mmCIF file of all heavy atoms, coordinates in Angstrom:
data_MODEL
# 
_entry.id   MODEL 
# 
loop_
_atom_site.group_PDB 
_atom_site.id 
_atom_site.type_symbol 
_atom_site.label_atom_id 
_atom_site.label_alt_id 
_atom_site.label_comp_id 
_atom_site.label_asym_id 
_atom_site.label_entity_id 
_atom_site.label_seq_id 
_atom_site.pdbx_PDB_ins_code 
_atom_site.Cartn_x 
_atom_site.Cartn_y 
_atom_site.Cartn_z 
_atom_site.occupancy 
_atom_site.B_iso_or_equiv 
_atom_site.pdbx_formal_charge 
_atom_site.auth_seq_id 
_atom_site.auth_comp_id 
_atom_site.auth_asym_id 
_atom_site.auth_atom_id 
_atom_site.pdbx_PDB_model_num 
ATOM 1   N N   . GLN A 1 1  ? 3.206   -4.292  10.146 1.00 0.00 ? 1  GLN A N   1 
ATOM 2   C CA  . GLN A 1 1  ? 2.696   -5.658  10.047 1.00 0.00 ? 1  GLN A CA  1 
ATOM 3   C C   . GLN A 1 1  ? 2.057   -6.113  11.352 1.00 0.00 ? 1  GLN A C   1 
ATOM 4   O O   . GLN A 1 1  ? 1.018   -6.784  11.345 1.00 0.00 ? 1  GLN A O   1 
ATOM 5   C CB  . GLN A 1 1  ? 3.833   -6.611  9.672  1.00 0.00 ? 1  GLN A CB  1 
ATOM 6   C CG  . GLN A 1 1  ? 4.244   -6.558  8.213  1.00 0.00 ? 1  GLN A CG  1 
ATOM 7   C CD  . GLN A 1 1  ? 3.193   -7.197  7.308  1.00 0.00 ? 1  GLN A CD  1 
ATOM 8   O OE1 . GLN A 1 1  ? 2.926   -8.396  7.394  1.00 0.00 ? 1  GLN A OE1 1 
ATOM 9   N NE2 . GLN A 1 1  ? 2.597   -6.406  6.449  1.00 0.00 ? 1  GLN A NE2 1 
ATOM 10  N N   . ILE A 1 2  ? 2.672   -5.735  12.471 1.00 0.00 ? 2  ILE A N   1 
ATOM 11  C CA  . ILE A 1 2  ? 2.125   -6.142  13.764 1.00 0.00 ? 2  ILE A CA  1 
ATOM 12  C C   . ILE A 1 2  ? 0.810   -5.424  14.036 1.00 0.00 ? 2  ILE A C   1 
ATOM 13  O O   . ILE A 1 2  ? -0.153  -6.024  14.526 1.00 0.00 ? 2  ILE A O   1 
ATOM 14  C CB  . ILE A 1 2  ? 3.154   -5.884  14.877 1.00 0.00 ? 2  ILE A CB  1 
ATOM 15  C CG1 . ILE A 1 2  ? 4.350   -6.832  14.700 1.00 0.00 ? 2  ILE A CG1 1 
ATOM 16  C CG2 . ILE A 1 2  ? 2.530   -6.092  16.257 1.00 0.00 ? 2  ILE A CG2 1 
ATOM 17  C CD1 . ILE A 1 2  ? 5.500   -6.565  15.641 1.00 0.00 ? 2  ILE A CD1 1 
ATOM 18  N N   . VAL A 1 3  ? 0.733   -4.137  13.702 1.00 0.00 ? 3  VAL A N   1 
ATOM 19  C CA  . VAL A 1 3  ? -0.524  -3.401  13.873 1.00 0.00 ? 3  VAL A CA  1 
ATOM 20  C C   . VAL A 1 3  ? -1.611  -4.019  13.001 1.00 0.00 ? 3  VAL A C   1 
ATOM 21  O O   . VAL A 1 3  ? -2.763  -4.177  13.423 1.00 0.00 ? 3  VAL A O   1 
ATOM 22  C CB  . VAL A 1 3  ? -0.334  -1.910  13.526 1.00 0.00 ? 3  VAL A CB  1 
ATOM 23  C CG1 . VAL A 1 3  ? -1.685  -1.191  13.488 1.00 0.00 ? 3  VAL A CG1 1 
ATOM 24  C CG2 . VAL A 1 3  ? 0.578   -1.239  14.540 1.00 0.00 ? 3  VAL A CG2 1 
ATOM 25  N N   . ARG A 1 4  ? -1.236  -4.410  11.780 1.00 0.00 ? 4  ARG A N   1 
ATOM 26  C CA  . ARG A 1 4  ? -2.199  -4.990  10.846 1.00 0.00 ? 4  ARG A CA  1 
ATOM 27  C C   . ARG A 1 4  ? -2.718  -6.353  11.304 1.00 0.00 ? 4  ARG A C   1 
ATOM 28  O O   . ARG A 1 4  ? -3.819  -6.773  10.900 1.00 0.00 ? 4  ARG A O   1 
ATOM 29  C CB  . ARG A 1 4  ? -1.581  -5.092  9.447  1.00 0.00 ? 4  ARG A CB  1 
ATOM 30  C CG  . ARG A 1 4  ? -2.539  -5.549  8.371  1.00 0.00 ? 4  ARG A CG  1 
ATOM 31  C CD  . ARG A 1 4  ? -3.744  -4.603  8.234  1.00 0.00 ? 4  ARG A CD  1 
ATOM 32  N NE  . ARG A 1 4  ? -3.524  -3.556  7.265  1.00 0.00 ? 4  ARG A NE  1 
ATOM 33  C CZ  . ARG A 1 4  ? -4.093  -2.363  7.324  1.00 0.00 ? 4  ARG A CZ  1 
ATOM 34  N NH1 . ARG A 1 4  ? -4.924  -2.063  8.316  1.00 0.00 ? 4  ARG A NH1 1 
ATOM 35  N NH2 . ARG A 1 4  ? -3.854  -1.442  6.406  1.00 0.00 ? 4  ARG A NH2 1 
ATOM 36  N N   . LYS A 1 5  ? -1.980  -7.048  12.136 1.00 0.00 ? 5  LYS A N   1 
ATOM 37  C CA  . LYS A 1 5  ? -2.469  -8.318  12.678 1.00 0.00 ? 5  LYS A CA  1 
ATOM 38  C C   . LYS A 1 5  ? -3.789  -8.122  13.408 1.00 0.00 ? 5  LYS A C   1 
ATOM 39  O O   . LYS A 1 5  ? -4.634  -9.004  13.448 1.00 0.00 ? 5  LYS A O   1 
ATOM 40  C CB  . LYS A 1 5  ? -1.449  -8.918  13.664 1.00 0.00 ? 5  LYS A CB  1 
ATOM 41  C CG  . LYS A 1 5  ? -0.173  -9.479  13.052 1.00 0.00 ? 5  LYS A CG  1 
ATOM 42  C CD  . LYS A 1 5  ? 0.750   -9.970  14.153 1.00 0.00 ? 5  LYS A CD  1 
ATOM 43  C CE  . LYS A 1 5  ? 2.109   -10.408 13.610 1.00 0.00 ? 5  LYS A CE  1 
ATOM 44  N NZ  . LYS A 1 5  ? 2.031   -11.623 12.797 1.00 0.00 ? 5  LYS A NZ  1 
ATOM 45  N N   . PHE A 1 6  ? -3.950  -6.941  13.998 1.00 0.00 ? 6  PHE A N   1 
ATOM 46  C CA  . PHE A 1 6  ? -5.129  -6.656  14.812 1.00 0.00 ? 6  PHE A CA  1 
ATOM 47  C C   . PHE A 1 6  ? -6.174  -5.828  14.070 1.00 0.00 ? 6  PHE A C   1 
ATOM 48  O O   . PHE A 1 6  ? -7.363  -6.097  14.176 1.00 0.00 ? 6  PHE A O   1 
ATOM 49  C CB  . PHE A 1 6  ? -4.708  -5.938  16.096 1.00 0.00 ? 6  PHE A CB  1 
ATOM 50  C CG  . PHE A 1 6  ? -3.785  -6.738  16.963 1.00 0.00 ? 6  PHE A CG  1 
ATOM 51  C CD1 . PHE A 1 6  ? -2.414  -6.558  16.896 1.00 0.00 ? 6  PHE A CD1 1 
ATOM 52  C CD2 . PHE A 1 6  ? -4.292  -7.689  17.836 1.00 0.00 ? 6  PHE A CD2 1 
ATOM 53  C CE1 . PHE A 1 6  ? -1.554  -7.302  17.692 1.00 0.00 ? 6  PHE A CE1 1 
ATOM 54  C CE2 . PHE A 1 6  ? -3.446  -8.443  18.636 1.00 0.00 ? 6  PHE A CE2 1 
ATOM 55  C CZ  . PHE A 1 6  ? -2.063  -8.253  18.566 1.00 0.00 ? 6  PHE A CZ  1 
ATOM 56  N N   . SER A 1 7  ? -5.745  -4.797  13.381 1.00 0.00 ? 7  SER A N   1 
ATOM 57  C CA  . SER A 1 7  ? -6.676  -3.929  12.660 1.00 0.00 ? 7  SER A CA  1 
ATOM 58  C C   . SER A 1 7  ? -6.563  -4.193  11.158 1.00 0.00 ? 7  SER A C   1 
ATOM 59  O O   . SER A 1 7  ? -5.519  -3.948  10.562 1.00 0.00 ? 7  SER A O   1 
ATOM 60  C CB  . SER A 1 7  ? -6.378  -2.456  12.938 1.00 0.00 ? 7  SER A CB  1 
ATOM 61  O OG  . SER A 1 7  ? -7.201  -1.628  12.144 1.00 0.00 ? 7  SER A OG  1 
ATOM 62  N N   . LYS A 1 8  ? -7.621  -4.673  10.571 1.00 0.00 ? 8  LYS A N   1 
ATOM 63  C CA  . LYS A 1 8  ? -7.605  -5.046  9.153  1.00 0.00 ? 8  LYS A CA  1 
ATOM 64  C C   . LYS A 1 8  ? -7.933  -3.881  8.231  1.00 0.00 ? 8  LYS A C   1 
ATOM 65  O O   . LYS A 1 8  ? -7.668  -3.951  7.022  1.00 0.00 ? 8  LYS A O   1 
ATOM 66  C CB  . LYS A 1 8  ? -8.611  -6.184  8.899  1.00 0.00 ? 8  LYS A CB  1 
ATOM 67  C CG  . LYS A 1 8  ? -8.403  -7.418  9.775  1.00 0.00 ? 8  LYS A CG  1 
ATOM 68  C CD  . LYS A 1 8  ? -6.993  -7.970  9.652  1.00 0.00 ? 8  LYS A CD  1 
ATOM 69  C CE  . LYS A 1 8  ? -6.812  -9.199  10.544 1.00 0.00 ? 8  LYS A CE  1 
ATOM 70  N NZ  . LYS A 1 8  ? -5.414  -9.696  10.511 1.00 0.00 ? 8  LYS A NZ  1 
ATOM 71  N N   . ASN A 1 9  ? -8.513  -2.808  8.772  1.00 0.00 ? 9  ASN A N   1 
ATOM 72  C CA  . ASN A 1 9  ? -9.019  -1.742  7.905  1.00 0.00 ? 9  ASN A CA  1 
ATOM 73  C C   . ASN A 1 9  ? -8.389  -0.370  8.095  1.00 0.00 ? 9  ASN A C   1 
ATOM 74  O O   . ASN A 1 9  ? -8.592  0.514   7.273  1.00 0.00 ? 9  ASN A O   1 
ATOM 75  C CB  . ASN A 1 9  ? -10.534 -1.600  8.109  1.00 0.00 ? 9  ASN A CB  1 
ATOM 76  C CG  . ASN A 1 9  ? -11.299 -2.842  7.688  1.00 0.00 ? 9  ASN A CG  1 
ATOM 77  O OD1 . ASN A 1 9  ? -11.038 -3.410  6.640  1.00 0.00 ? 9  ASN A OD1 1 
ATOM 78  N ND2 . ASN A 1 9  ? -12.235 -3.262  8.522  1.00 0.00 ? 9  ASN A ND2 1 
ATOM 79  N N   . CYS A 1 10 ? -7.633  -0.173  9.158  1.00 0.00 ? 10 CYS A N   1 
ATOM 80  C CA  . CYS A 1 10 ? -7.115  1.169   9.423  1.00 0.00 ? 10 CYS A CA  1 
ATOM 81  C C   . CYS A 1 10 ? -6.104  1.583   8.357  1.00 0.00 ? 10 CYS A C   1 
ATOM 82  O O   . CYS A 1 10 ? -5.460  0.744   7.716  1.00 0.00 ? 10 CYS A O   1 
ATOM 83  C CB  . CYS A 1 10 ? -6.474  1.245   10.805 1.00 0.00 ? 10 CYS A CB  1 
ATOM 84  S SG  . CYS A 1 10 ? -4.843  0.478   10.933 1.00 0.00 ? 10 CYS A SG  1 
ATOM 85  N N   . LEU A 1 11 ? -5.969  2.888   8.171  1.00 0.00 ? 11 LEU A N   1 
ATOM 86  C CA  . LEU A 1 11 ? -4.958  3.421   7.275  1.00 0.00 ? 11 LEU A CA  1 
ATOM 87  C C   . LEU A 1 11 ? -3.609  3.365   7.979  1.00 0.00 ? 11 LEU A C   1 
ATOM 88  O O   . LEU A 1 11 ? -3.453  3.894   9.080  1.00 0.00 ? 11 LEU A O   1 
ATOM 89  C CB  . LEU A 1 11 ? -5.284  4.879   6.909  1.00 0.00 ? 11 LEU A CB  1 
ATOM 90  C CG  . LEU A 1 11 ? -4.229  5.635   6.098  1.00 0.00 ? 11 LEU A CG  1 
ATOM 91  C CD1 . LEU A 1 11 ? -4.075  5.021   4.703  1.00 0.00 ? 11 LEU A CD1 1 
ATOM 92  C CD2 . LEU A 1 11 ? -4.595  7.116   5.996  1.00 0.00 ? 11 LEU A CD2 1 
ATOM 93  N N   . LEU A 1 12 ? -2.636  2.721   7.356  1.00 0.00 ? 12 LEU A N   1 
ATOM 94  C CA  . LEU A 1 12 ? -1.274  2.679   7.876  1.00 0.00 ? 12 LEU A CA  1 
ATOM 95  C C   . LEU A 1 12 ? -0.446  3.736   7.146  1.00 0.00 ? 12 LEU A C   1 
ATOM 96  O O   . LEU A 1 12 ? -0.743  4.079   6.005  1.00 0.00 ? 12 LEU A O   1 
ATOM 97  C CB  . LEU A 1 12 ? -0.647  1.299   7.660  1.00 0.00 ? 12 LEU A CB  1 
ATOM 98  C CG  . LEU A 1 12 ? -1.349  0.106   8.316  1.00 0.00 ? 12 LEU A CG  1 
ATOM 99  C CD1 . LEU A 1 12 ? -0.642  -1.193  7.943  1.00 0.00 ? 12 LEU A CD1 1 
ATOM 100 C CD2 . LEU A 1 12 ? -1.393  0.262   9.831  1.00 0.00 ? 12 LEU A CD2 1 
ATOM 101 N N   . THR A 1 13 ? 0.596   4.226   7.806  1.00 0.00 ? 13 THR A N   1 
ATOM 102 C CA  . THR A 1 13 ? 1.464   5.224   7.193  1.00 0.00 ? 13 THR A CA  1 
ATOM 103 C C   . THR A 1 13 ? 2.914   4.857   7.438  1.00 0.00 ? 13 THR A C   1 
ATOM 104 O O   . THR A 1 13 ? 3.276   4.431   8.537  1.00 0.00 ? 13 THR A O   1 
ATOM 105 C CB  . THR A 1 13 ? 1.190   6.630   7.757  1.00 0.00 ? 13 THR A CB  1 
ATOM 106 O OG1 . THR A 1 13 ? -0.209  6.899   7.728  1.00 0.00 ? 13 THR A OG1 1 
ATOM 107 C CG2 . THR A 1 13 ? 1.914   7.690   6.935  1.00 0.00 ? 13 THR A CG2 1 
ATOM 108 N N   . THR A 1 14 ? 3.735   5.018   6.424  1.00 0.00 ? 14 THR A N   1 
ATOM 109 C CA  . THR A 1 14 ? 5.157   4.721   6.551  1.00 0.00 ? 14 THR A CA  1 
ATOM 110 C C   . THR A 1 14 ? 5.834   5.732   7.463  1.00 0.00 ? 14 THR A C   1 
ATOM 111 O O   . THR A 1 14 ? 5.262   6.766   7.803  1.00 0.00 ? 14 THR A O   1 
ATOM 112 C CB  . THR A 1 14 ? 5.870   4.776   5.188  1.00 0.00 ? 14 THR A CB  1 
ATOM 113 O OG1 . THR A 1 14 ? 5.884   6.135   4.723  1.00 0.00 ? 14 THR A OG1 1 
ATOM 114 C CG2 . THR A 1 14 ? 5.193   3.895   4.160  1.00 0.00 ? 14 THR A CG2 1 
ATOM 115 N N   . GLU A 1 15 ? 7.068   5.434   7.820  1.00 0.00 ? 15 GLU A N   1 
ATOM 116 C CA  . GLU A 1 15 ? 7.874   6.435   8.504  1.00 0.00 ? 15 GLU A CA  1 
ATOM 117 C C   . GLU A 1 15 ? 8.238   7.527   7.500  1.00 0.00 ? 15 GLU A C   1 
ATOM 118 O O   . GLU A 1 15 ? 8.065   7.371   6.289  1.00 0.00 ? 15 GLU A O   1 
ATOM 119 C CB  . GLU A 1 15 ? 9.130   5.795   9.087  1.00 0.00 ? 15 GLU A CB  1 
ATOM 120 C CG  . GLU A 1 15 ? 9.972   5.030   8.075  1.00 0.00 ? 15 GLU A CG  1 
ATOM 121 C CD  . GLU A 1 15 ? 11.083  4.235   8.727  1.00 0.00 ? 15 GLU A CD  1 
ATOM 122 O OE1 . GLU A 1 15 ? 11.759  4.781   9.615  1.00 0.00 ? 15 GLU A OE1 1 
ATOM 123 O OE2 . GLU A 1 15 ? 11.281  3.076   8.349  1.00 0.00 ? 15 GLU A OE2 1 
ATOM 124 N N   . MET A 1 16 ? 8.711   8.655   7.986  1.00 0.00 ? 16 MET A N   1 
ATOM 125 C CA  . MET A 1 16 ? 9.016   9.810   7.145  1.00 0.00 ? 16 MET A CA  1 
ATOM 126 C C   . MET A 1 16 ? 10.123  9.489   6.144  1.00 0.00 ? 16 MET A C   1 
ATOM 127 O O   . MET A 1 16 ? 11.160  8.941   6.497  1.00 0.00 ? 16 MET A O   1 
ATOM 128 C CB  . MET A 1 16 ? 9.430   10.984  8.030  1.00 0.00 ? 16 MET A CB  1 
ATOM 129 C CG  . MET A 1 16 ? 9.674   12.289  7.304  1.00 0.00 ? 16 MET A CG  1 
ATOM 130 S SD  . MET A 1 16 ? 9.967   13.640  8.478  1.00 0.00 ? 16 MET A SD  1 
ATOM 131 C CE  . MET A 1 16 ? 11.552  13.144  9.177  1.00 0.00 ? 16 MET A CE  1 
ATOM 132 N N   . ILE A 1 17 ? 9.885   9.850   4.882  1.00 0.00 ? 17 ILE A N   1 
ATOM 133 C CA  . ILE A 1 17 ? 10.833  9.621   3.791  1.00 0.00 ? 17 ILE A CA  1 
ATOM 134 C C   . ILE A 1 17 ? 11.321  10.983  3.302  1.00 0.00 ? 17 ILE A C   1 
ATOM 135 O O   . ILE A 1 17 ? 10.517  11.826  2.912  1.00 0.00 ? 17 ILE A O   1 
ATOM 136 C CB  . ILE A 1 17 ? 10.169  8.852   2.641  1.00 0.00 ? 17 ILE A CB  1 
ATOM 137 C CG1 . ILE A 1 17 ? 9.657   7.492   3.123  1.00 0.00 ? 17 ILE A CG1 1 
ATOM 138 C CG2 . ILE A 1 17 ? 11.131  8.683   1.459  1.00 0.00 ? 17 ILE A CG2 1 
ATOM 139 C CD1 . ILE A 1 17 ? 8.604   6.878   2.229  1.00 0.00 ? 17 ILE A CD1 1 
ATOM 140 N N   . SER A 1 18 ? 12.610  11.211  3.326  1.00 0.00 ? 18 SER A N   1 
ATOM 141 C CA  . SER A 1 18 ? 13.168  12.494  2.883  1.00 0.00 ? 18 SER A CA  1 
ATOM 142 C C   . SER A 1 18 ? 13.178  12.567  1.364  1.00 0.00 ? 18 SER A C   1 
ATOM 143 O O   . SER A 1 18 ? 13.762  11.702  0.690  1.00 0.00 ? 18 SER A O   1 
ATOM 144 C CB  . SER A 1 18 ? 14.596  12.646  3.414  1.00 0.00 ? 18 SER A CB  1 
ATOM 145 O OG  . SER A 1 18 ? 15.273  13.694  2.747  1.00 0.00 ? 18 SER A OG  1 
ATOM 146 N N   . SER A 1 19 ? 12.529  13.590  0.817  1.00 0.00 ? 19 SER A N   1 
ATOM 147 C CA  . SER A 1 19 ? 12.527  13.753  -0.644 1.00 0.00 ? 19 SER A CA  1 
ATOM 148 C C   . SER A 1 19 ? 13.939  13.991  -1.164 1.00 0.00 ? 19 SER A C   1 
ATOM 149 O O   . SER A 1 19 ? 14.312  13.505  -2.227 1.00 0.00 ? 19 SER A O   1 
ATOM 150 C CB  . SER A 1 19 ? 11.605  14.915  -1.040 1.00 0.00 ? 19 SER A CB  1 
ATOM 151 O OG  . SER A 1 19 ? 12.022  16.133  -0.436 1.00 0.00 ? 19 SER A OG  1 
ATOM 152 N N   . GLU A 1 20 ? 14.735  14.744  -0.405 1.00 0.00 ? 20 GLU A N   1 
ATOM 153 C CA  . GLU A 1 20 ? 16.117  15.036  -0.804 1.00 0.00 ? 20 GLU A CA  1 
ATOM 154 C C   . GLU A 1 20 ? 16.918  13.745  -0.917 1.00 0.00 ? 20 GLU A C   1 
ATOM 155 O O   . GLU A 1 20 ? 17.587  13.489  -1.932 1.00 0.00 ? 20 GLU A O   1 
ATOM 156 C CB  . GLU A 1 20 ? 16.776  15.971  0.225  1.00 0.00 ? 20 GLU A CB  1 
ATOM 157 C CG  . GLU A 1 20 ? 16.178  17.360  0.290  1.00 0.00 ? 20 GLU A CG  1 
ATOM 158 C CD  . GLU A 1 20 ? 16.917  18.350  -0.592 1.00 0.00 ? 20 GLU A CD  1 
ATOM 159 O OE1 . GLU A 1 20 ? 17.859  17.939  -1.287 1.00 0.00 ? 20 GLU A OE1 1 
ATOM 160 O OE2 . GLU A 1 20 ? 16.528  19.537  -0.582 1.00 0.00 ? 20 GLU A OE2 1 
ATOM 161 N N   . MET A 1 21 ? 16.864  12.928  0.121  1.00 0.00 ? 21 MET A N   1 
ATOM 162 C CA  . MET A 1 21 ? 17.661  11.696  0.138  1.00 0.00 ? 21 MET A CA  1 
ATOM 163 C C   . MET A 1 21 ? 17.127  10.663  -0.844 1.00 0.00 ? 21 MET A C   1 
ATOM 164 O O   . MET A 1 21 ? 17.888  9.876   -1.408 1.00 0.00 ? 21 MET A O   1 
ATOM 165 C CB  . MET A 1 21 ? 17.734  11.140  1.553  1.00 0.00 ? 21 MET A CB  1 
ATOM 166 C CG  . MET A 1 21 ? 18.576  11.999  2.486  1.00 0.00 ? 21 MET A CG  1 
ATOM 167 S SD  . MET A 1 21 ? 19.069  11.172  4.014  1.00 0.00 ? 21 MET A SD  1 
ATOM 168 C CE  . MET A 1 21 ? 17.523  11.147  4.902  1.00 0.00 ? 21 MET A CE  1 
ATOM 169 N N   . LEU A 1 22 ? 15.806  10.672  -1.055 1.00 0.00 ? 22 LEU A N   1 
ATOM 170 C CA  . LEU A 1 22 ? 15.226  9.754   -2.025 1.00 0.00 ? 22 LEU A CA  1 
ATOM 171 C C   . LEU A 1 22 ? 15.737  10.070  -3.427 1.00 0.00 ? 22 LEU A C   1 
ATOM 172 O O   . LEU A 1 22 ? 16.125  9.165   -4.180 1.00 0.00 ? 22 LEU A O   1 
ATOM 173 C CB  . LEU A 1 22 ? 13.704  9.852   -1.985 1.00 0.00 ? 22 LEU A CB  1 
ATOM 174 C CG  . LEU A 1 22 ? 12.934  8.873   -2.884 1.00 0.00 ? 22 LEU A CG  1 
ATOM 175 C CD1 . LEU A 1 22 ? 13.171  7.430   -2.451 1.00 0.00 ? 22 LEU A CD1 1 
ATOM 176 C CD2 . LEU A 1 22 ? 11.441  9.183   -2.854 1.00 0.00 ? 22 LEU A CD2 1 
ATOM 177 N N   . MET A 1 23 ? 15.759  11.359  -3.761 1.00 0.00 ? 23 MET A N   1 
ATOM 178 C CA  . MET A 1 23 ? 16.218  11.758  -5.079 1.00 0.00 ? 23 MET A CA  1 
ATOM 179 C C   . MET A 1 23 ? 17.731  11.620  -5.239 1.00 0.00 ? 23 MET A C   1 
ATOM 180 O O   . MET A 1 23 ? 18.250  11.594  -6.355 1.00 0.00 ? 23 MET A O   1 
ATOM 181 C CB  . MET A 1 23 ? 15.787  13.206  -5.374 1.00 0.00 ? 23 MET A CB  1 
ATOM 182 C CG  . MET A 1 23 ? 14.274  13.409  -5.382 1.00 0.00 ? 23 MET A CG  1 
ATOM 183 S SD  . MET A 1 23 ? 13.389  12.206  -6.399 1.00 0.00 ? 23 MET A SD  1 
ATOM 184 C CE  . MET A 1 23 ? 14.042  12.591  -8.025 1.00 0.00 ? 23 MET A CE  1 
ATOM 185 N N   . GLN A 1 24 ? 18.441  11.510  -4.117 1.00 0.00 ? 24 GLN A N   1 
ATOM 186 C CA  . GLN A 1 24 ? 19.876  11.268  -4.151 1.00 0.00 ? 24 GLN A CA  1 
ATOM 187 C C   . GLN A 1 24 ? 20.182  9.766   -4.188 1.00 0.00 ? 24 GLN A C   1 
ATOM 188 O O   . GLN A 1 24 ? 21.340  9.356   -4.153 1.00 0.00 ? 24 GLN A O   1 
ATOM 189 C CB  . GLN A 1 24 ? 20.549  11.882  -2.923 1.00 0.00 ? 24 GLN A CB  1 
ATOM 190 C CG  . GLN A 1 24 ? 20.537  13.397  -2.890 1.00 0.00 ? 24 GLN A CG  1 
ATOM 191 C CD  . GLN A 1 24 ? 20.997  13.943  -1.543 1.00 0.00 ? 24 GLN A CD  1 
ATOM 192 O OE1 . GLN A 1 24 ? 21.479  13.209  -0.674 1.00 0.00 ? 24 GLN A OE1 1 
ATOM 193 N NE2 . GLN A 1 24 ? 20.827  15.244  -1.355 1.00 0.00 ? 24 GLN A NE2 1 
ATOM 194 N N   . ASN A 1 25 ? 19.109  8.961   -4.252 1.00 0.00 ? 25 ASN A N   1 
ATOM 195 C CA  . ASN A 1 25 ? 19.237  7.501   -4.297 1.00 0.00 ? 25 ASN A CA  1 
ATOM 196 C C   . ASN A 1 25 ? 19.928  6.934   -3.064 1.00 0.00 ? 25 ASN A C   1 
ATOM 197 O O   . ASN A 1 25 ? 20.656  5.934   -3.152 1.00 0.00 ? 25 ASN A O   1 
ATOM 198 C CB  . ASN A 1 25 ? 19.969  7.049   -5.562 1.00 0.00 ? 25 ASN A CB  1 
ATOM 199 C CG  . ASN A 1 25 ? 19.126  7.221   -6.803 1.00 0.00 ? 25 ASN A CG  1 
ATOM 200 O OD1 . ASN A 1 25 ? 17.931  6.896   -6.808 1.00 0.00 ? 25 ASN A OD1 1 
ATOM 201 N ND2 . ASN A 1 25 ? 19.719  7.753   -7.860 1.00 0.00 ? 25 ASN A ND2 1 
ATOM 202 N N   . ARG A 1 26 ? 19.671  7.562   -1.915 1.00 0.00 ? 26 ARG A N   1 
ATOM 203 C CA  . ARG A 1 26 ? 20.224  7.034   -0.672 1.00 0.00 ? 26 ARG A CA  1 
ATOM 204 C C   . ARG A 1 26 ? 19.538  5.710   -0.354 1.00 0.00 ? 26 ARG A C   1 
ATOM 205 O O   . ARG A 1 26 ? 18.294  5.629   -0.326 1.00 0.00 ? 26 ARG A O   1 
ATOM 206 C CB  . ARG A 1 26 ? 20.010  8.037   0.460  1.00 0.00 ? 26 ARG A CB  1 
ATOM 207 C CG  . ARG A 1 26 ? 20.745  9.352   0.266  1.00 0.00 ? 26 ARG A CG  1 
ATOM 208 C CD  . ARG A 1 26 ? 22.197  9.221   0.650  1.00 0.00 ? 26 ARG A CD  1 
ATOM 209 N NE  . ARG A 1 26 ? 22.348  9.152   2.092  1.00 0.00 ? 26 ARG A NE  1 
ATOM 210 C CZ  . ARG A 1 26 ? 22.436  10.219  2.883  1.00 0.00 ? 26 ARG A CZ  1 
ATOM 211 N NH1 . ARG A 1 26 ? 22.378  11.445  2.361  1.00 0.00 ? 26 ARG A NH1 1 
ATOM 212 N NH2 . ARG A 1 26 ? 22.583  10.073  4.185  1.00 0.00 ? 26 ARG A NH2 1 
ATOM 213 N N   . PRO A 1 27 ? 20.299  4.646   -0.123 1.00 0.00 ? 27 PRO A N   1 
ATOM 214 C CA  . PRO A 1 27 ? 19.712  3.310   0.070  1.00 0.00 ? 27 PRO A CA  1 
ATOM 215 C C   . PRO A 1 27 ? 18.735  3.219   1.233  1.00 0.00 ? 27 PRO A C   1 
ATOM 216 O O   . PRO A 1 27 ? 17.741  2.496   1.159  1.00 0.00 ? 27 PRO A O   1 
ATOM 217 C CB  . PRO A 1 27 ? 20.939  2.413   0.289  1.00 0.00 ? 27 PRO A CB  1 
ATOM 218 C CG  . PRO A 1 27 ? 22.049  3.339   0.660  1.00 0.00 ? 27 PRO A CG  1 
ATOM 219 C CD  . PRO A 1 27 ? 21.766  4.607   -0.065 1.00 0.00 ? 27 PRO A CD  1 
ATOM 220 N N   . GLU A 1 28 ? 19.003  3.981   2.326  1.00 0.00 ? 28 GLU A N   1 
ATOM 221 C CA  . GLU A 1 28 ? 18.116  3.890   3.483  1.00 0.00 ? 28 GLU A CA  1 
ATOM 222 C C   . GLU A 1 28 ? 16.720  4.425   3.178  1.00 0.00 ? 28 GLU A C   1 
ATOM 223 O O   . GLU A 1 28 ? 15.725  3.952   3.738  1.00 0.00 ? 28 GLU A O   1 
ATOM 224 C CB  . GLU A 1 28 ? 18.711  4.621   4.688  1.00 0.00 ? 28 GLU A CB  1 
ATOM 225 C CG  . GLU A 1 28 ? 18.963  6.110   4.505  1.00 0.00 ? 28 GLU A CG  1 
ATOM 226 C CD  . GLU A 1 28 ? 20.356  6.432   4.007  1.00 0.00 ? 28 GLU A CD  1 
ATOM 227 O OE1 . GLU A 1 28 ? 20.917  5.632   3.221  1.00 0.00 ? 28 GLU A OE1 1 
ATOM 228 O OE2 . GLU A 1 28 ? 20.883  7.488   4.384  1.00 0.00 ? 28 GLU A OE2 1 
# 
């Protein structure tokens, strides 16, 4: 959000999401 305050068009990327933990429904 802070980066987007300045750059309106750049591609943003999330932090790394573990496929294993995602499929295990880990809340984090």
